[in-house]
Amino acid sequence: MEKAAQEPPPAERNRPRGCAEEARRSLVEPLYGTVLELGASSGANLPHYKGVARVVAVNRSGASGAARLRASAPTGIPVSVVTAAPGRLPFRDRSFDAVVSTMALCAAPDQATALAEIRRVLSPDGVLVFLEHVRSRNHWTAGMQDMMTPVVRRLRSGCRINVDTVTAIRAAGFRLSVLDILEPRAGVPRLVPFVRGRAYLP
């Protein structure tokens, strides 16, 4: 396998929420080798891949979205589309140089199971990159997230906006290399911060 892109020393940064396209681009553009993408239904990440050999996209919408996903990828990058859940991945151990999770872990019914599967299919020197909803560190905002989560789950395919995804990633045995906490900008009526980061196996 080709080795995934290496990262700088661990860091945690608070940043205002920027453009979603830029957040996605910064995650996937440096990747190499064979990539598994979870939460690929929208196809929003695919135009940003540059040097990968192949992308396997896990698509919740089934075969109906496969043609659209393939059309979103840059010319020359093959895309395979598989219908699967993050907690039950139909791939061999150590199959991928990188796993990309965008809004997939926040919708997983059991984050620990999903992360164990990610760890199983990731090569020992591979990287997990993620852009996920996360529970706010502000007590008032977190309370509002708790109130909103049942409604959001019904409207957004099970998405839980109040989960502590970063703690779950650490508990699964990953070492965080980069962690950006993307807080809503002042004056923007949004309650849900995101985390963007990279993590490696020890």
N, C-alpha and C. Protein backbone atom coordinates (compact mmCIF):
# COMPACT_ATOMS: atom_id res chain seq x y z
N MET A 1 0.83 -1.21 0.00
CA MET A 1 0.00 0.00 0.00
C MET A 1 0.86 1.25 0.00
N GLU A 2 0.35 2.29 -0.66
CA GLU A 2 1.03 3.58 -0.57
C GLU A 2 0.76 4.18 0.80
N LYS A 3 1.71 4.86 1.32
CA LYS A 3 1.57 5.44 2.65
C LYS A 3 0.79 6.74 2.60
N ALA A 4 -0.14 6.89 3.55
CA ALA A 4 -0.94 8.11 3.62
C ALA A 4 -0.05 9.28 4.00
N ALA A 5 -0.54 10.47 3.71
CA ALA A 5 0.23 11.68 3.98
C ALA A 5 0.54 11.82 5.47
N GLN A 6 1.75 12.24 5.78
CA GLN A 6 2.16 12.44 7.16
C GLN A 6 1.71 13.81 7.66
N GLU A 7 1.61 13.94 8.99
CA GLU A 7 1.04 15.15 9.57
C GLU A 7 2.00 15.80 10.55
N PRO A 8 1.78 17.08 10.86
CA PRO A 8 2.61 17.78 11.84
C PRO A 8 2.33 17.30 13.25
N PRO A 9 3.10 17.75 14.23
CA PRO A 9 2.90 17.32 15.62
C PRO A 9 1.50 17.66 16.10
N PRO A 10 1.05 16.95 17.16
CA PRO A 10 -0.31 17.17 17.66
C PRO A 10 -0.57 18.62 18.00
N ALA A 11 -1.80 19.07 17.71
CA ALA A 11 -2.19 20.44 17.99
C ALA A 11 -3.69 20.49 18.14
N GLU A 12 -4.15 21.45 18.93
CA GLU A 12 -5.59 21.71 19.03
C GLU A 12 -5.78 23.20 18.84
N ARG A 13 -6.68 23.55 17.90
CA ARG A 13 -6.87 24.95 17.56
C ARG A 13 -8.35 25.26 17.54
N ASN A 14 -8.69 26.43 18.03
CA ASN A 14 -10.06 26.92 17.91
C ASN A 14 -10.11 27.89 16.75
N ARG A 15 -11.01 27.65 15.83
CA ARG A 15 -11.12 28.52 14.67
C ARG A 15 -12.58 28.82 14.39
N PRO A 16 -12.87 29.99 13.83
CA PRO A 16 -14.24 30.24 13.39
C PRO A 16 -14.60 29.28 12.27
N ARG A 17 -15.87 28.92 12.20
CA ARG A 17 -16.32 28.02 11.14
C ARG A 17 -16.11 28.69 9.79
N GLY A 18 -15.37 28.05 8.91
CA GLY A 18 -15.12 28.62 7.60
C GLY A 18 -15.97 27.95 6.54
N CYS A 19 -15.58 28.12 5.34
CA CYS A 19 -16.28 27.53 4.21
C CYS A 19 -16.22 26.01 4.28
N ALA A 20 -17.36 25.35 4.09
CA ALA A 20 -17.40 23.90 4.17
C ALA A 20 -16.52 23.27 3.10
N GLU A 21 -16.49 23.87 1.92
CA GLU A 21 -15.66 23.32 0.85
C GLU A 21 -14.18 23.35 1.22
N GLU A 22 -13.74 24.44 1.85
CA GLU A 22 -12.34 24.53 2.26
C GLU A 22 -12.02 23.50 3.34
N ALA A 23 -12.95 23.29 4.27
CA ALA A 23 -12.73 22.29 5.32
C ALA A 23 -12.58 20.91 4.71
N ARG A 24 -13.41 20.58 3.75
CA ARG A 24 -13.33 19.27 3.10
C ARG A 24 -12.04 19.15 2.29
N ARG A 25 -11.72 20.20 1.53
CA ARG A 25 -10.52 20.15 0.70
C ARG A 25 -9.27 19.91 1.54
N SER A 26 -9.16 20.61 2.67
CA SER A 26 -7.97 20.49 3.50
C SER A 26 -7.82 19.09 4.08
N LEU A 27 -8.92 18.37 4.23
CA LEU A 27 -8.85 17.01 4.75
C LEU A 27 -8.41 16.00 3.70
N VAL A 28 -8.99 16.06 2.52
CA VAL A 28 -8.79 14.95 1.58
C VAL A 28 -7.72 15.20 0.53
N GLU A 29 -7.41 16.46 0.25
CA GLU A 29 -6.43 16.73 -0.82
C GLU A 29 -5.06 16.11 -0.56
N PRO A 30 -4.56 16.07 0.69
CA PRO A 30 -3.22 15.49 0.89
C PRO A 30 -3.15 13.96 0.87
N LEU A 31 -4.28 13.27 0.77
CA LEU A 31 -4.29 11.82 0.92
C LEU A 31 -3.73 11.11 -0.30
N TYR A 32 -3.20 9.91 -0.04
CA TYR A 32 -2.65 9.06 -1.10
C TYR A 32 -3.14 7.64 -0.90
N GLY A 33 -2.94 6.81 -1.93
CA GLY A 33 -3.23 5.39 -1.80
C GLY A 33 -4.71 5.08 -1.97
N THR A 34 -5.14 4.02 -1.29
CA THR A 34 -6.52 3.56 -1.37
C THR A 34 -7.30 4.13 -0.20
N VAL A 35 -8.40 4.80 -0.49
CA VAL A 35 -9.15 5.56 0.51
C VAL A 35 -10.55 4.99 0.66
N LEU A 36 -10.98 4.83 1.91
CA LEU A 36 -12.36 4.50 2.22
C LEU A 36 -13.04 5.75 2.73
N GLU A 37 -14.14 6.15 2.09
CA GLU A 37 -14.87 7.33 2.54
C GLU A 37 -16.22 6.93 3.11
N LEU A 38 -16.44 7.28 4.37
CA LEU A 38 -17.72 7.06 5.03
C LEU A 38 -18.54 8.35 4.96
N GLY A 39 -19.85 8.20 4.88
CA GLY A 39 -20.70 9.39 4.77
C GLY A 39 -20.57 10.06 3.42
N ALA A 40 -20.47 9.25 2.37
CA ALA A 40 -20.18 9.77 1.03
C ALA A 40 -21.43 10.11 0.23
N SER A 41 -22.60 10.04 0.84
CA SER A 41 -23.85 10.18 0.09
C SER A 41 -23.92 11.46 -0.74
N SER A 42 -23.41 12.57 -0.22
CA SER A 42 -23.52 13.84 -0.94
C SER A 42 -22.51 13.98 -2.06
N GLY A 43 -21.40 13.24 -1.98
CA GLY A 43 -20.35 13.37 -2.98
C GLY A 43 -19.53 14.64 -2.85
N ALA A 44 -19.70 15.39 -1.75
CA ALA A 44 -19.06 16.70 -1.62
C ALA A 44 -17.55 16.63 -1.51
N ASN A 45 -17.01 15.52 -1.00
CA ASN A 45 -15.55 15.41 -0.86
C ASN A 45 -14.86 15.02 -2.16
N LEU A 46 -15.56 14.31 -3.02
CA LEU A 46 -14.90 13.66 -4.15
C LEU A 46 -14.16 14.62 -5.09
N PRO A 47 -14.66 15.81 -5.38
CA PRO A 47 -13.90 16.70 -6.27
C PRO A 47 -12.55 17.13 -5.72
N HIS A 48 -12.31 16.96 -4.41
CA HIS A 48 -11.09 17.46 -3.80
C HIS A 48 -9.96 16.43 -3.74
N TYR A 49 -10.21 15.20 -4.15
CA TYR A 49 -9.14 14.21 -4.17
C TYR A 49 -8.17 14.52 -5.30
N LYS A 50 -6.88 14.39 -5.03
CA LYS A 50 -5.87 14.71 -6.03
C LYS A 50 -4.96 13.52 -6.35
N GLY A 51 -4.29 12.96 -5.32
CA GLY A 51 -3.27 11.97 -5.58
C GLY A 51 -3.61 10.56 -5.16
N VAL A 52 -4.89 10.25 -4.94
CA VAL A 52 -5.25 8.91 -4.48
C VAL A 52 -5.30 7.93 -5.65
N ALA A 53 -5.10 6.65 -5.32
CA ALA A 53 -5.17 5.62 -6.35
C ALA A 53 -6.60 5.16 -6.59
N ARG A 54 -7.40 5.16 -5.51
CA ARG A 54 -8.77 4.66 -5.63
C ARG A 54 -9.56 5.12 -4.42
N VAL A 55 -10.86 5.37 -4.60
CA VAL A 55 -11.76 5.71 -3.50
C VAL A 55 -12.88 4.68 -3.45
N VAL A 56 -13.10 4.13 -2.27
CA VAL A 56 -14.26 3.28 -2.03
C VAL A 56 -15.23 4.10 -1.19
N ALA A 57 -16.38 4.43 -1.76
CA ALA A 57 -17.34 5.31 -1.11
C ALA A 57 -18.47 4.48 -0.50
N VAL A 58 -18.67 4.65 0.80
CA VAL A 58 -19.80 4.02 1.47
C VAL A 58 -20.98 4.98 1.35
N ASN A 59 -22.02 4.52 0.69
CA ASN A 59 -23.14 5.37 0.30
C ASN A 59 -24.41 4.85 0.95
N ARG A 60 -25.02 5.67 1.82
CA ARG A 60 -26.24 5.25 2.51
C ARG A 60 -27.45 5.19 1.60
N SER A 61 -27.41 5.88 0.46
CA SER A 61 -28.59 5.93 -0.41
C SER A 61 -28.66 4.77 -1.39
N GLY A 62 -27.70 3.85 -1.32
CA GLY A 62 -27.75 2.66 -2.14
C GLY A 62 -27.31 2.90 -3.57
N ALA A 63 -27.66 1.95 -4.45
CA ALA A 63 -27.18 1.97 -5.83
C ALA A 63 -27.69 3.19 -6.59
N SER A 64 -28.80 3.78 -6.16
CA SER A 64 -29.37 4.90 -6.89
C SER A 64 -28.44 6.10 -6.95
N GLY A 65 -27.53 6.23 -5.96
CA GLY A 65 -26.63 7.38 -5.94
C GLY A 65 -25.26 7.09 -6.50
N ALA A 66 -25.02 5.87 -6.99
CA ALA A 66 -23.68 5.48 -7.41
C ALA A 66 -23.17 6.30 -8.60
N ALA A 67 -24.02 6.48 -9.62
CA ALA A 67 -23.58 7.21 -10.81
C ALA A 67 -23.23 8.65 -10.46
N ARG A 68 -24.02 9.27 -9.60
CA ARG A 68 -23.75 10.66 -9.20
C ARG A 68 -22.43 10.76 -8.45
N LEU A 69 -22.16 9.80 -7.57
CA LEU A 69 -20.90 9.82 -6.82
C LEU A 69 -19.71 9.67 -7.76
N ARG A 70 -19.78 8.74 -8.67
CA ARG A 70 -18.66 8.54 -9.61
C ARG A 70 -18.44 9.78 -10.46
N ALA A 71 -19.51 10.45 -10.85
CA ALA A 71 -19.38 11.64 -11.68
C ALA A 71 -18.75 12.80 -10.92
N SER A 72 -18.81 12.76 -9.58
CA SER A 72 -18.25 13.85 -8.77
C SER A 72 -16.74 13.77 -8.65
N ALA A 73 -16.15 12.61 -8.91
CA ALA A 73 -14.71 12.42 -8.72
C ALA A 73 -13.92 12.99 -9.88
N PRO A 74 -12.69 13.43 -9.62
CA PRO A 74 -11.84 13.91 -10.72
C PRO A 74 -11.57 12.82 -11.74
N THR A 75 -11.35 13.21 -12.96
CA THR A 75 -11.03 12.26 -14.02
C THR A 75 -9.79 11.45 -13.66
N GLY A 76 -9.86 10.15 -13.85
CA GLY A 76 -8.71 9.29 -13.59
C GLY A 76 -8.68 8.66 -12.22
N ILE A 77 -9.58 9.05 -11.32
CA ILE A 77 -9.64 8.44 -9.99
C ILE A 77 -10.84 7.51 -9.95
N PRO A 78 -10.59 6.18 -9.92
CA PRO A 78 -11.72 5.24 -9.88
C PRO A 78 -12.45 5.30 -8.54
N VAL A 79 -13.77 5.22 -8.60
CA VAL A 79 -14.61 5.26 -7.41
C VAL A 79 -15.50 4.02 -7.40
N SER A 80 -15.40 3.24 -6.34
CA SER A 80 -16.31 2.12 -6.12
C SER A 80 -17.33 2.54 -5.07
N VAL A 81 -18.57 2.16 -5.25
CA VAL A 81 -19.63 2.55 -4.33
C VAL A 81 -20.20 1.31 -3.66
N VAL A 82 -20.22 1.34 -2.33
CA VAL A 82 -20.69 0.20 -1.54
C VAL A 82 -21.75 0.69 -0.57
N THR A 83 -22.85 -0.04 -0.47
CA THR A 83 -23.86 0.28 0.53
C THR A 83 -23.54 -0.48 1.81
N ALA A 84 -23.25 0.25 2.87
CA ALA A 84 -22.87 -0.38 4.14
C ALA A 84 -23.03 0.62 5.27
N ALA A 85 -23.03 0.12 6.49
CA ALA A 85 -23.08 0.96 7.68
C ALA A 85 -21.68 1.06 8.27
N PRO A 86 -21.33 2.20 8.90
CA PRO A 86 -19.99 2.35 9.48
C PRO A 86 -19.64 1.26 10.50
N GLY A 87 -20.64 0.72 11.16
CA GLY A 87 -20.38 -0.30 12.17
C GLY A 87 -20.24 -1.70 11.64
N ARG A 88 -20.40 -1.86 10.32
CA ARG A 88 -20.30 -3.20 9.72
C ARG A 88 -19.74 -3.04 8.31
N LEU A 89 -18.44 -2.91 8.20
CA LEU A 89 -17.79 -2.65 6.93
C LEU A 89 -17.38 -3.96 6.26
N PRO A 90 -17.78 -4.19 5.03
CA PRO A 90 -17.51 -5.46 4.34
C PRO A 90 -16.15 -5.48 3.64
N PHE A 91 -15.09 -5.19 4.39
CA PHE A 91 -13.75 -5.13 3.81
C PHE A 91 -12.78 -5.92 4.67
N ARG A 92 -11.69 -6.34 4.06
CA ARG A 92 -10.67 -7.09 4.78
C ARG A 92 -9.89 -6.19 5.73
N ASP A 93 -9.25 -6.79 6.71
CA ASP A 93 -8.40 -6.05 7.63
C ASP A 93 -7.29 -5.33 6.87
N ARG A 94 -6.96 -4.13 7.33
CA ARG A 94 -5.83 -3.36 6.81
C ARG A 94 -5.92 -3.11 5.30
N SER A 95 -7.12 -2.83 4.82
CA SER A 95 -7.34 -2.68 3.38
C SER A 95 -7.07 -1.27 2.86
N PHE A 96 -7.03 -0.26 3.75
CA PHE A 96 -7.04 1.12 3.28
C PHE A 96 -5.90 1.93 3.89
N ASP A 97 -5.37 2.84 3.06
CA ASP A 97 -4.33 3.76 3.52
C ASP A 97 -4.92 4.94 4.28
N ALA A 98 -6.19 5.25 4.03
CA ALA A 98 -6.85 6.34 4.73
C ALA A 98 -8.34 6.05 4.82
N VAL A 99 -8.94 6.51 5.90
CA VAL A 99 -10.39 6.49 6.05
C VAL A 99 -10.85 7.93 6.26
N VAL A 100 -11.86 8.33 5.49
CA VAL A 100 -12.42 9.67 5.58
C VAL A 100 -13.83 9.54 6.15
N SER A 101 -14.10 10.27 7.24
CA SER A 101 -15.43 10.26 7.85
C SER A 101 -15.96 11.68 7.91
N THR A 102 -16.99 11.96 7.13
CA THR A 102 -17.63 13.27 7.18
C THR A 102 -19.10 13.07 7.50
N MET A 103 -19.49 13.52 8.68
CA MET A 103 -20.86 13.39 9.17
C MET A 103 -21.32 11.94 9.18
N ALA A 104 -20.41 11.03 9.43
CA ALA A 104 -20.76 9.61 9.50
C ALA A 104 -20.73 9.12 10.94
N LEU A 105 -19.71 9.52 11.71
CA LEU A 105 -19.63 9.08 13.10
C LEU A 105 -20.75 9.68 13.95
N CYS A 106 -21.16 10.91 13.63
CA CYS A 106 -22.23 11.53 14.41
C CYS A 106 -23.57 10.86 14.14
N ALA A 107 -23.68 10.09 13.06
CA ALA A 107 -24.91 9.37 12.76
C ALA A 107 -24.83 7.89 13.10
N ALA A 108 -23.65 7.42 13.50
CA ALA A 108 -23.49 6.00 13.83
C ALA A 108 -24.23 5.68 15.12
N PRO A 109 -25.08 4.66 15.14
CA PRO A 109 -25.79 4.29 16.37
C PRO A 109 -24.84 3.96 17.51
N ASP A 110 -23.69 3.38 17.19
CA ASP A 110 -22.70 3.00 18.20
C ASP A 110 -21.34 3.45 17.70
N GLN A 111 -20.85 4.57 18.21
CA GLN A 111 -19.57 5.10 17.74
C GLN A 111 -18.42 4.16 18.03
N ALA A 112 -18.44 3.50 19.16
CA ALA A 112 -17.33 2.60 19.51
C ALA A 112 -17.22 1.47 18.50
N THR A 113 -18.35 0.90 18.09
CA THR A 113 -18.33 -0.17 17.09
C THR A 113 -17.85 0.34 15.75
N ALA A 114 -18.33 1.52 15.34
CA ALA A 114 -17.91 2.09 14.07
C ALA A 114 -16.40 2.37 14.06
N LEU A 115 -15.88 2.91 15.14
CA LEU A 115 -14.45 3.21 15.21
C LEU A 115 -13.61 1.95 15.28
N ALA A 116 -14.12 0.90 15.90
CA ALA A 116 -13.41 -0.38 15.90
C ALA A 116 -13.30 -0.94 14.49
N GLU A 117 -14.37 -0.77 13.70
CA GLU A 117 -14.34 -1.20 12.31
C GLU A 117 -13.36 -0.36 11.49
N ILE A 118 -13.36 0.95 11.71
CA ILE A 118 -12.39 1.81 11.02
C ILE A 118 -10.97 1.37 11.35
N ARG A 119 -10.73 1.12 12.61
CA ARG A 119 -9.39 0.70 13.02
C ARG A 119 -9.01 -0.64 12.37
N ARG A 120 -9.97 -1.53 12.25
CA ARG A 120 -9.70 -2.85 11.65
C ARG A 120 -9.30 -2.73 10.18
N VAL A 121 -9.99 -1.89 9.41
CA VAL A 121 -9.73 -1.84 7.97
C VAL A 121 -8.61 -0.88 7.60
N LEU A 122 -8.12 -0.09 8.55
CA LEU A 122 -7.06 0.88 8.29
C LEU A 122 -5.69 0.22 8.41
N SER A 123 -4.79 0.53 7.49
CA SER A 123 -3.44 0.00 7.57
C SER A 123 -2.73 0.58 8.79
N PRO A 124 -1.72 -0.12 9.33
CA PRO A 124 -1.06 0.36 10.56
C PRO A 124 -0.47 1.76 10.44
N ASP A 125 -0.04 2.16 9.25
CA ASP A 125 0.52 3.50 9.07
C ASP A 125 -0.46 4.43 8.35
N GLY A 126 -1.74 4.07 8.36
CA GLY A 126 -2.75 4.87 7.70
C GLY A 126 -3.24 6.01 8.58
N VAL A 127 -4.21 6.76 8.05
CA VAL A 127 -4.71 7.95 8.75
C VAL A 127 -6.24 7.97 8.67
N LEU A 128 -6.86 8.38 9.76
CA LEU A 128 -8.29 8.68 9.80
C LEU A 128 -8.44 10.18 9.77
N VAL A 129 -9.16 10.71 8.79
CA VAL A 129 -9.45 12.14 8.75
C VAL A 129 -10.95 12.31 8.90
N PHE A 130 -11.36 13.36 9.61
CA PHE A 130 -12.77 13.46 9.94
C PHE A 130 -13.24 14.92 10.00
N LEU A 131 -14.51 15.10 9.65
CA LEU A 131 -15.23 16.36 9.82
C LEU A 131 -16.59 15.96 10.38
N GLU A 132 -16.81 16.26 11.66
CA GLU A 132 -17.97 15.72 12.36
C GLU A 132 -18.63 16.76 13.26
N HIS A 133 -19.94 16.61 13.44
CA HIS A 133 -20.61 17.36 14.49
C HIS A 133 -20.05 16.95 15.84
N VAL A 134 -20.11 17.85 16.80
CA VAL A 134 -19.58 17.53 18.13
C VAL A 134 -20.34 18.32 19.18
N ARG A 135 -20.37 17.80 20.37
CA ARG A 135 -21.03 18.48 21.48
C ARG A 135 -20.26 19.75 21.84
N SER A 136 -20.98 20.84 22.02
CA SER A 136 -20.35 22.11 22.37
C SER A 136 -19.76 22.05 23.77
N ARG A 137 -18.70 22.81 23.98
CA ARG A 137 -18.11 22.92 25.31
C ARG A 137 -18.80 24.00 26.14
N ASN A 138 -19.70 24.75 25.50
CA ASN A 138 -20.49 25.75 26.20
C ASN A 138 -21.72 25.08 26.80
N HIS A 139 -21.92 25.23 28.11
CA HIS A 139 -22.98 24.50 28.81
C HIS A 139 -24.36 24.83 28.24
N TRP A 140 -24.64 26.11 27.99
CA TRP A 140 -25.94 26.49 27.46
C TRP A 140 -26.16 25.92 26.06
N THR A 141 -25.14 26.02 25.22
CA THR A 141 -25.27 25.51 23.86
C THR A 141 -25.44 24.00 23.85
N ALA A 142 -24.68 23.30 24.70
CA ALA A 142 -24.81 21.85 24.78
C ALA A 142 -26.22 21.45 25.20
N GLY A 143 -26.82 22.21 26.11
CA GLY A 143 -28.19 21.93 26.51
C GLY A 143 -29.17 22.09 25.36
N MET A 144 -28.95 23.11 24.56
CA MET A 144 -29.80 23.30 23.38
C MET A 144 -29.61 22.17 22.38
N GLN A 145 -28.37 21.72 22.23
CA GLN A 145 -28.13 20.58 21.35
C GLN A 145 -28.89 19.34 21.82
N ASP A 146 -28.88 19.11 23.13
CA ASP A 146 -29.61 17.95 23.67
C ASP A 146 -31.10 18.05 23.33
N MET A 147 -31.65 19.24 23.41
CA MET A 147 -33.08 19.43 23.11
C MET A 147 -33.36 19.22 21.62
N MET A 148 -32.43 19.63 20.76
CA MET A 148 -32.64 19.58 19.32
C MET A 148 -32.36 18.21 18.71
N THR A 149 -31.52 17.42 19.38
CA THR A 149 -31.04 16.17 18.78
C THR A 149 -32.17 15.23 18.34
N PRO A 150 -33.23 14.98 19.13
CA PRO A 150 -34.27 14.07 18.64
C PRO A 150 -34.90 14.52 17.32
N VAL A 151 -35.08 15.83 17.15
CA VAL A 151 -35.65 16.34 15.90
C VAL A 151 -34.66 16.18 14.76
N VAL A 152 -33.39 16.53 15.01
CA VAL A 152 -32.37 16.43 13.97
C VAL A 152 -32.19 14.98 13.54
N ARG A 153 -32.25 14.06 14.47
CA ARG A 153 -32.09 12.63 14.12
C ARG A 153 -33.16 12.18 13.15
N ARG A 154 -34.38 12.66 13.33
CA ARG A 154 -35.47 12.27 12.42
C ARG A 154 -35.30 12.91 11.05
N LEU A 155 -34.80 14.14 11.02
CA LEU A 155 -34.70 14.86 9.76
C LEU A 155 -33.43 14.56 8.98
N ARG A 156 -32.37 14.14 9.68
CA ARG A 156 -31.04 14.01 9.06
C ARG A 156 -30.47 12.61 9.20
N SER A 157 -31.26 11.61 8.96
CA SER A 157 -30.79 10.22 8.87
C SER A 157 -30.02 9.77 10.11
N GLY A 158 -30.54 10.12 11.28
CA GLY A 158 -29.96 9.63 12.51
C GLY A 158 -28.84 10.46 13.08
N CYS A 159 -28.56 11.63 12.49
CA CYS A 159 -27.45 12.47 12.96
C CYS A 159 -27.70 12.95 14.39
N ARG A 160 -26.70 12.77 15.25
CA ARG A 160 -26.76 13.24 16.63
C ARG A 160 -25.76 14.38 16.79
N ILE A 161 -26.27 15.56 17.06
CA ILE A 161 -25.42 16.74 17.10
C ILE A 161 -24.82 16.98 18.49
N ASN A 162 -25.10 16.09 19.44
CA ASN A 162 -24.64 16.31 20.82
C ASN A 162 -23.65 15.25 21.29
N VAL A 163 -23.01 14.52 20.39
CA VAL A 163 -22.11 13.45 20.79
C VAL A 163 -20.67 13.97 20.95
N ASP A 164 -19.94 13.36 21.85
CA ASP A 164 -18.54 13.74 22.11
C ASP A 164 -17.64 12.86 21.24
N THR A 165 -17.59 13.19 19.97
CA THR A 165 -16.90 12.36 18.98
C THR A 165 -15.40 12.30 19.23
N VAL A 166 -14.81 13.39 19.66
CA VAL A 166 -13.36 13.41 19.89
C VAL A 166 -12.98 12.43 20.99
N THR A 167 -13.73 12.40 22.08
CA THR A 167 -13.46 11.45 23.15
C THR A 167 -13.59 10.02 22.63
N ALA A 168 -14.58 9.77 21.79
CA ALA A 168 -14.77 8.43 21.23
C ALA A 168 -13.60 8.01 20.36
N ILE A 169 -13.06 8.94 19.58
CA ILE A 169 -11.90 8.62 18.72
C ILE A 169 -10.69 8.28 19.58
N ARG A 170 -10.47 9.05 20.63
CA ARG A 170 -9.35 8.75 21.53
C ARG A 170 -9.56 7.41 22.23
N ALA A 171 -10.78 7.14 22.68
CA ALA A 171 -11.07 5.90 23.38
C ALA A 171 -10.87 4.68 22.49
N ALA A 172 -11.02 4.86 21.18
CA ALA A 172 -10.82 3.76 20.24
C ALA A 172 -9.35 3.47 19.98
N GLY A 173 -8.46 4.26 20.59
CA GLY A 173 -7.03 4.01 20.48
C GLY A 173 -6.31 4.83 19.44
N PHE A 174 -6.96 5.83 18.88
CA PHE A 174 -6.31 6.69 17.89
C PHE A 174 -5.55 7.82 18.58
N ARG A 175 -4.47 8.24 17.92
CA ARG A 175 -3.67 9.38 18.39
C ARG A 175 -3.99 10.57 17.51
N LEU A 176 -4.54 11.61 18.11
CA LEU A 176 -4.91 12.80 17.35
C LEU A 176 -3.66 13.59 16.99
N SER A 177 -3.53 13.90 15.71
CA SER A 177 -2.40 14.68 15.24
C SER A 177 -2.77 16.14 15.05
N VAL A 178 -3.94 16.38 14.47
CA VAL A 178 -4.44 17.73 14.26
C VAL A 178 -5.90 17.74 14.67
N LEU A 179 -6.30 18.76 15.42
CA LEU A 179 -7.70 18.89 15.81
C LEU A 179 -8.09 20.36 15.75
N ASP A 180 -8.96 20.70 14.82
CA ASP A 180 -9.52 22.04 14.72
C ASP A 180 -10.96 22.00 15.21
N ILE A 181 -11.28 22.85 16.14
CA ILE A 181 -12.65 22.99 16.61
C ILE A 181 -13.26 24.18 15.89
N LEU A 182 -14.20 23.93 15.03
CA LEU A 182 -14.77 24.97 14.18
C LEU A 182 -16.04 25.48 14.83
N GLU A 183 -15.91 26.57 15.56
CA GLU A 183 -17.05 27.15 16.27
C GLU A 183 -17.83 28.06 15.33
N PRO A 184 -19.14 28.20 15.56
CA PRO A 184 -19.91 29.16 14.75
C PRO A 184 -19.37 30.58 14.93
N ARG A 185 -19.37 31.34 13.86
CA ARG A 185 -18.94 32.73 13.95
C ARG A 185 -19.93 33.54 14.78
N ALA A 186 -19.44 34.61 15.40
CA ALA A 186 -20.31 35.50 16.16
C ALA A 186 -21.42 36.04 15.26
N GLY A 187 -22.64 35.99 15.78
CA GLY A 187 -23.77 36.51 15.03
C GLY A 187 -24.43 35.51 14.11
N VAL A 188 -23.83 34.30 13.98
CA VAL A 188 -24.42 33.28 13.12
C VAL A 188 -25.34 32.41 13.97
N PRO A 189 -26.62 32.28 13.61
CA PRO A 189 -27.55 31.54 14.45
C PRO A 189 -27.42 30.03 14.30
N ARG A 190 -26.26 29.50 14.63
CA ARG A 190 -26.03 28.07 14.58
C ARG A 190 -25.51 27.62 15.94
N LEU A 191 -25.95 26.42 16.33
CA LEU A 191 -25.60 25.92 17.65
C LEU A 191 -24.58 24.79 17.60
N VAL A 192 -24.26 24.32 16.42
CA VAL A 192 -23.51 23.08 16.32
C VAL A 192 -22.08 23.33 15.84
N PRO A 193 -21.10 23.21 16.71
CA PRO A 193 -19.71 23.26 16.25
C PRO A 193 -19.33 21.97 15.54
N PHE A 194 -18.27 22.04 14.76
CA PHE A 194 -17.71 20.87 14.09
C PHE A 194 -16.29 20.64 14.59
N VAL A 195 -15.83 19.42 14.44
CA VAL A 195 -14.41 19.16 14.61
C VAL A 195 -13.85 18.64 13.29
N ARG A 196 -12.66 19.10 12.96
CA ARG A 196 -11.95 18.65 11.77
C ARG A 196 -10.59 18.17 12.24
N GLY A 197 -10.21 16.97 11.87
CA GLY A 197 -8.93 16.49 12.38
C GLY A 197 -8.37 15.29 11.65
N ARG A 198 -7.19 14.89 12.12
CA ARG A 198 -6.49 13.71 11.61
C ARG A 198 -6.04 12.88 12.80
N ALA A 199 -6.12 11.58 12.66
CA ALA A 199 -5.74 10.69 13.74
C ALA A 199 -5.05 9.46 13.18
N TYR A 200 -4.10 8.95 13.96
CA TYR A 200 -3.30 7.79 13.57
C TYR A 200 -3.40 6.69 14.62
N LEU A 201 -3.08 5.49 14.20
CA LEU A 201 -2.95 4.41 15.15
C LEU A 201 -1.61 4.52 15.85
N PRO A 202 -1.53 4.13 17.13
CA PRO A 202 -0.26 4.26 17.86
C PRO A 202 0.80 3.32 17.31
